[in-house]
Each structure stands twice: as structure tokens, then as C-alpha cells.
Amino acid sequence: MMDELELLKKDWQKKEEHLPKLSYEQIHNMLWKKSSSIVRLIFIISILEFGLPHLLYLLPYVRENMDVYQNLGLQNVLIALSIIQYTVVFYFIYQFYKRYKEISVLDNSINLMNKILRTRKTVKHYVIFCLSVLFVSCIVFTFGIYLSDDIANILVIPENNDISPEKLKGILMLGMGIFSVVIVLVMGGVYFLLYGILLRKLNMNYKELKQLEV
């Protein structure tokens, strides 16, 4: 039995001699290219994720529903939120572009690891901001329902004598609260799929680079 094991070891050692052995520089360049591609993909996804939903505004149905904010007296609040959102999102998109341009083939492993960590941190802050804006928008809409004096006509709800205006407000606010939680969880899942997988790959690259420095 021992002889068989020795023969297997020797056979494996012979095969191992024919396997390509990568140098430090080759491994570093492979990890650099992988990291650069991932950061570029994050940059592209952030642009698409921001731009594609705005195409919905071209649909008449969506434009008509936007009038609800004006009828609830939330138009100025909506404009202020939009300005803040656009400003911060453009900032993050610029940061993603900057992170992509920063990654250079001439960088050593330490610098590349630092840039990977900075990219991961930027992505996490971006996701938290987007989900926060979504949640705040839902809260603002709920607050608009609470302040409205004629919510049934504003939301074009058929008259029902069995439901008082205050009760109707309570039902709508409860429904909006549940919707807010659900939509944030759903979008959180979407962001996890979009960015979470890429961040895990970046983290794997980071760990491999760290091993090179040991």
C-alpha cells in the first residue's frame, strides 16, 4: 500500500513539473485586470441603473401619476429631493469612474488593495443612499396623505359612505407604510444582486493580493 502511495506522489510530482508556474508579476497583473474589469462594470451599472428608470417618464401613465405629488402639495418637496438625489448620485457615479481610472497596472499590491477597499466602501455608501432616498420618498408621500383634506378625490378613490375620511387616511397610510418596507426590501435585494456579487469578487481579489504580500 505504501509503495502505491509513493508511486502516486512521484507521478503527481512529474505532472506538477509540466504545470505553468506564475510569477509574482503575472499573478498581480491577472488580479489587476480582474479588479479593473469589476470596477468598470460597477461604473457602467450605476449609469444604467440611474438612467433607465427615467425612460419611464416618457410613458403618459407615469406622467399623469406624477400629478398626485402636486395635488398633495408635495411638488416643492419632490423637487428638493430630486435635486439632492441627482447631485449625490452624480457624485457617486463620478467616484466610480475615478476609482476605475485610479487602478493602474503600475500599482503595487498594497496600492491595489487600498483601491479595492475604497471601491467597496463607495459602493456600500451608494447603496445605502439609494435605499434611504427611496424610503424617505415613501415617508413623504405618506405624510402628504396625512395632511390632505380631500384624499379620496386626489387619489381618485370611488366614494364609499361606509368609510370616513379619517379612516380612509388611516388605511392608506398603513398601506403606504407596508409598501415602503416591501419596496425597500425588494430594491435591497436588487442592489444585492447588482453590486453584491461584484463586491464579493473584489473581496476575493483583495484576499489573493494580501496573500502575495505575506
Protein backbone atom coordinates (compact mmCIF):
# COMPACT_ATOMS: atom_id res chain seq x y z
CA MET A 1 0.00 0.00 0.00
CA MET A 2 2.83 2.41 0.90
CA ASP A 3 4.55 1.63 -2.40
CA GLU A 4 1.40 2.59 -4.29
CA LEU A 5 1.21 5.92 -2.43
CA GLU A 6 4.83 6.67 -3.22
CA LEU A 7 4.24 5.90 -6.87
CA LEU A 8 1.22 8.23 -6.92
CA LYS A 9 3.25 11.02 -5.30
CA LYS A 10 6.08 10.64 -7.78
CA ASP A 11 3.62 10.61 -10.66
CA TRP A 12 1.99 13.82 -9.39
CA GLN A 13 5.38 15.49 -8.93
CA LYS A 14 6.25 14.70 -12.54
CA LYS A 15 2.98 16.20 -13.72
CA GLU A 16 3.50 19.24 -11.49
CA GLU A 17 6.78 19.98 -13.27
CA HIS A 18 4.89 20.49 -16.52
CA LEU A 19 2.31 22.85 -14.98
CA PRO A 20 2.91 26.57 -15.68
CA LYS A 21 4.33 28.42 -12.68
CA LEU A 22 3.15 32.00 -12.42
CA SER A 23 5.44 34.73 -11.16
CA TYR A 24 4.50 37.46 -8.69
CA GLU A 25 4.11 39.95 -11.54
CA GLN A 26 1.89 37.63 -13.57
CA ILE A 27 -0.44 36.97 -10.63
CA HIS A 28 -0.53 40.68 -9.80
CA ASN A 29 -1.40 41.59 -13.39
CA MET A 30 -4.16 38.98 -13.52
CA LEU A 31 -5.70 40.32 -10.30
CA TRP A 32 -5.31 43.89 -11.54
CA LYS A 33 -7.15 43.11 -14.78
CA LYS A 34 -9.92 41.30 -12.92
CA SER A 35 -10.31 44.16 -10.43
CA SER A 36 -10.24 46.78 -13.18
CA SER A 37 -12.98 44.94 -15.10
CA ILE A 38 -15.15 44.66 -11.99
CA VAL A 39 -14.83 48.37 -11.14
CA ARG A 40 -15.59 49.29 -14.75
CA LEU A 41 -18.70 47.10 -14.61
CA ILE A 42 -19.79 48.80 -11.37
CA PHE A 43 -19.41 52.18 -13.11
CA ILE A 44 -21.48 51.06 -16.13
CA ILE A 45 -24.22 49.50 -13.97
CA SER A 46 -24.51 52.67 -11.86
CA ILE A 47 -25.12 54.73 -15.03
CA LEU A 48 -27.71 52.28 -16.40
CA GLU A 49 -29.39 51.89 -13.02
CA PHE A 50 -29.76 55.67 -12.76
CA GLY A 51 -30.69 56.38 -16.38
CA LEU A 52 -33.07 53.57 -17.38
CA PRO A 53 -35.86 54.35 -14.82
CA HIS A 54 -36.05 57.90 -16.22
CA LEU A 55 -37.25 56.44 -19.52
CA LEU A 56 -40.47 55.57 -17.69
CA TYR A 57 -41.30 59.28 -17.56
CA LEU A 58 -41.90 59.09 -21.30
CA LEU A 59 -44.98 56.96 -20.62
CA PRO A 60 -48.23 59.02 -20.35
CA TYR A 61 -49.47 56.91 -17.42
CA VAL A 62 -46.37 57.66 -15.36
CA ARG A 63 -46.52 61.39 -16.15
CA GLU A 64 -50.16 61.52 -15.06
CA ASN A 65 -49.39 59.80 -11.77
CA MET A 66 -46.69 62.38 -11.04
CA ASP A 67 -49.52 64.94 -10.75
CA VAL A 68 -50.52 63.24 -7.49
CA TYR A 69 -47.50 64.83 -5.76
CA GLN A 70 -48.64 68.26 -6.91
CA ASN A 71 -52.22 67.60 -5.74
CA LEU A 72 -50.87 66.54 -2.33
CA GLY A 73 -48.85 69.74 -2.10
CA LEU A 74 -45.57 67.84 -2.32
CA GLN A 75 -44.23 69.28 -5.56
CA ASN A 76 -41.66 71.54 -3.87
CA VAL A 77 -40.55 68.72 -1.58
CA LEU A 78 -40.25 66.41 -4.60
CA ILE A 79 -38.12 68.98 -6.45
CA ALA A 80 -35.85 69.38 -3.41
CA LEU A 81 -35.46 65.59 -3.05
CA SER A 82 -34.74 65.26 -6.77
CA ILE A 83 -32.02 67.93 -6.63
CA ILE A 84 -30.38 66.20 -3.65
CA GLN A 85 -30.70 62.78 -5.28
CA TYR A 86 -29.26 63.85 -8.64
CA THR A 87 -26.39 65.73 -7.02
CA VAL A 88 -25.37 62.84 -4.78
CA VAL A 89 -25.88 60.15 -7.44
CA PHE A 90 -23.78 62.08 -9.97
CA TYR A 91 -21.12 62.39 -7.26
CA PHE A 92 -21.11 58.62 -6.72
CA ILE A 93 -21.01 57.90 -10.46
CA TYR A 94 -18.02 60.21 -10.71
CA GLN A 95 -16.39 58.37 -7.80
CA PHE A 96 -16.90 55.03 -9.55
CA TYR A 97 -15.30 56.46 -12.68
CA LYS A 98 -12.45 57.87 -10.59
CA ARG A 99 -11.89 54.51 -8.86
CA TYR A 100 -11.75 52.82 -12.25
CA LYS A 101 -9.19 55.30 -13.60
CA GLU A 102 -7.14 55.07 -10.41
CA ILE A 103 -6.45 51.38 -10.82
CA SER A 104 -3.19 51.25 -12.73
CA VAL A 105 -1.12 48.29 -13.89
CA LEU A 106 1.92 50.00 -12.40
CA ASP A 107 0.49 49.90 -8.89
CA ASN A 108 1.90 47.50 -6.38
CA SER A 109 -0.30 45.11 -4.42
CA ILE A 110 -0.61 47.42 -1.40
CA ASN A 111 -1.94 50.30 -3.52
CA LEU A 112 -4.27 48.00 -5.43
CA MET A 113 -5.65 46.57 -2.17
CA ASN A 114 -6.29 50.10 -0.86
CA LYS A 115 -8.17 50.99 -4.03
CA ILE A 116 -10.26 47.84 -3.80
CA LEU A 117 -11.19 48.72 -0.20
CA ARG A 118 -12.10 52.29 -1.23
CA THR A 119 -14.26 50.97 -4.09
CA ARG A 120 -16.11 48.57 -1.78
CA LYS A 121 -16.72 51.37 0.70
CA THR A 122 -18.02 53.71 -2.04
CA VAL A 123 -20.42 51.07 -3.37
CA LYS A 124 -21.82 50.35 0.10
CA HIS A 125 -22.41 54.07 0.74
CA TYR A 126 -24.08 54.40 -2.67
CA VAL A 127 -26.49 51.53 -1.99
CA ILE A 128 -27.35 52.89 1.48
CA PHE A 129 -28.04 56.34 -0.01
CA CYS A 130 -30.29 55.00 -2.80
CA LEU A 131 -32.35 52.90 -0.39
CA SER A 132 -32.60 55.84 2.04
CA VAL A 133 -33.90 58.17 -0.71
CA LEU A 134 -36.48 55.56 -1.70
CA PHE A 135 -37.66 55.16 1.89
CA VAL A 136 -37.79 58.93 2.52
CA SER A 137 -39.84 59.41 -0.67
CA CYS A 138 -42.39 56.88 0.60
CA ILE A 139 -42.49 58.59 4.01
CA VAL A 140 -43.02 61.99 2.37
CA PHE A 141 -45.90 60.57 0.31
CA THR A 142 -47.43 59.09 3.48
CA PHE A 143 -47.09 62.46 5.23
CA GLY A 144 -48.82 64.11 2.26
CA ILE A 145 -51.76 61.73 2.68
CA TYR A 146 -51.95 62.64 6.36
CA LEU A 147 -52.09 66.39 5.64
CA SER A 148 -54.57 66.11 2.77
CA ASP A 149 -58.13 67.30 3.37
CA ASP A 150 -59.64 65.57 0.33
CA ILE A 151 -57.61 62.43 -0.16
CA ALA A 152 -60.42 60.48 -1.90
CA ASN A 153 -60.64 62.95 -4.80
CA ILE A 154 -56.88 63.42 -5.06
CA LEU A 155 -56.21 59.69 -5.40
CA VAL A 156 -59.41 59.19 -7.46
CA ILE A 157 -60.93 56.75 -4.99
CA PRO A 158 -64.63 55.91 -5.50
CA GLU A 159 -66.84 57.35 -2.79
CA ASN A 160 -67.85 54.93 -0.08
CA ASN A 161 -70.22 56.09 2.65
CA ASP A 162 -69.10 53.30 4.96
CA ILE A 163 -65.57 54.71 5.25
CA SER A 164 -64.97 58.06 6.89
CA PRO A 165 -62.22 60.36 5.55
CA GLU A 166 -60.12 59.79 8.70
CA LYS A 167 -60.47 56.03 8.44
CA LEU A 168 -59.60 56.19 4.75
CA LYS A 169 -56.47 58.15 5.62
CA GLY A 170 -55.51 55.55 8.21
CA ILE A 171 -55.96 52.69 5.72
CA LEU A 172 -53.95 54.48 3.03
CA MET A 173 -51.17 55.42 5.45
CA LEU A 174 -50.95 51.85 6.75
CA GLY A 175 -50.87 50.52 3.19
CA MET A 176 -48.18 53.03 2.25
CA GLY A 177 -46.14 52.07 5.29
CA ILE A 178 -46.27 48.37 4.34
CA PHE A 179 -45.47 49.26 0.73
CA SER A 180 -42.46 51.31 1.87
CA VAL A 181 -40.97 48.39 3.77
CA VAL A 182 -41.65 45.93 0.94
CA ILE A 183 -40.23 48.16 -1.82
CA VAL A 184 -37.08 48.90 0.21
CA LEU A 185 -36.55 45.17 0.82
CA VAL A 186 -37.14 44.35 -2.85
CA MET A 187 -34.78 47.07 -4.05
CA GLY A 188 -32.27 45.99 -1.42
CA GLY A 189 -32.37 42.52 -2.99
CA VAL A 190 -31.91 44.02 -6.46
CA TYR A 191 -28.90 46.04 -5.30
CA PHE A 192 -27.52 42.91 -3.65
CA LEU A 193 -27.69 41.09 -6.98
CA LEU A 194 -26.28 44.03 -8.95
CA TYR A 195 -23.45 45.03 -6.66
CA GLY A 196 -23.16 42.31 -4.01
CA ILE A 197 -21.78 39.69 -6.41
CA LEU A 198 -19.25 42.18 -7.80
CA LEU A 199 -18.16 43.19 -4.30
CA ARG A 200 -17.62 39.56 -3.35
CA LYS A 201 -15.37 39.12 -6.39
CA LEU A 202 -13.44 42.25 -5.42
CA ASN A 203 -13.09 40.86 -1.91
CA MET A 204 -11.67 37.61 -3.30
CA ASN A 205 -9.14 39.63 -5.31
CA TYR A 206 -8.26 41.55 -2.16
CA LYS A 207 -7.61 38.33 -0.22
CA GLU A 208 -5.43 36.94 -3.02
CA LEU A 209 -3.43 40.16 -3.18
CA LYS A 210 -2.99 40.04 0.58
CA GLN A 211 -1.56 36.54 0.31
CA LEU A 212 1.00 37.81 -2.20
CA GLU A 213 2.33 40.20 0.41
CA VAL A 214 2.75 37.51 3.08
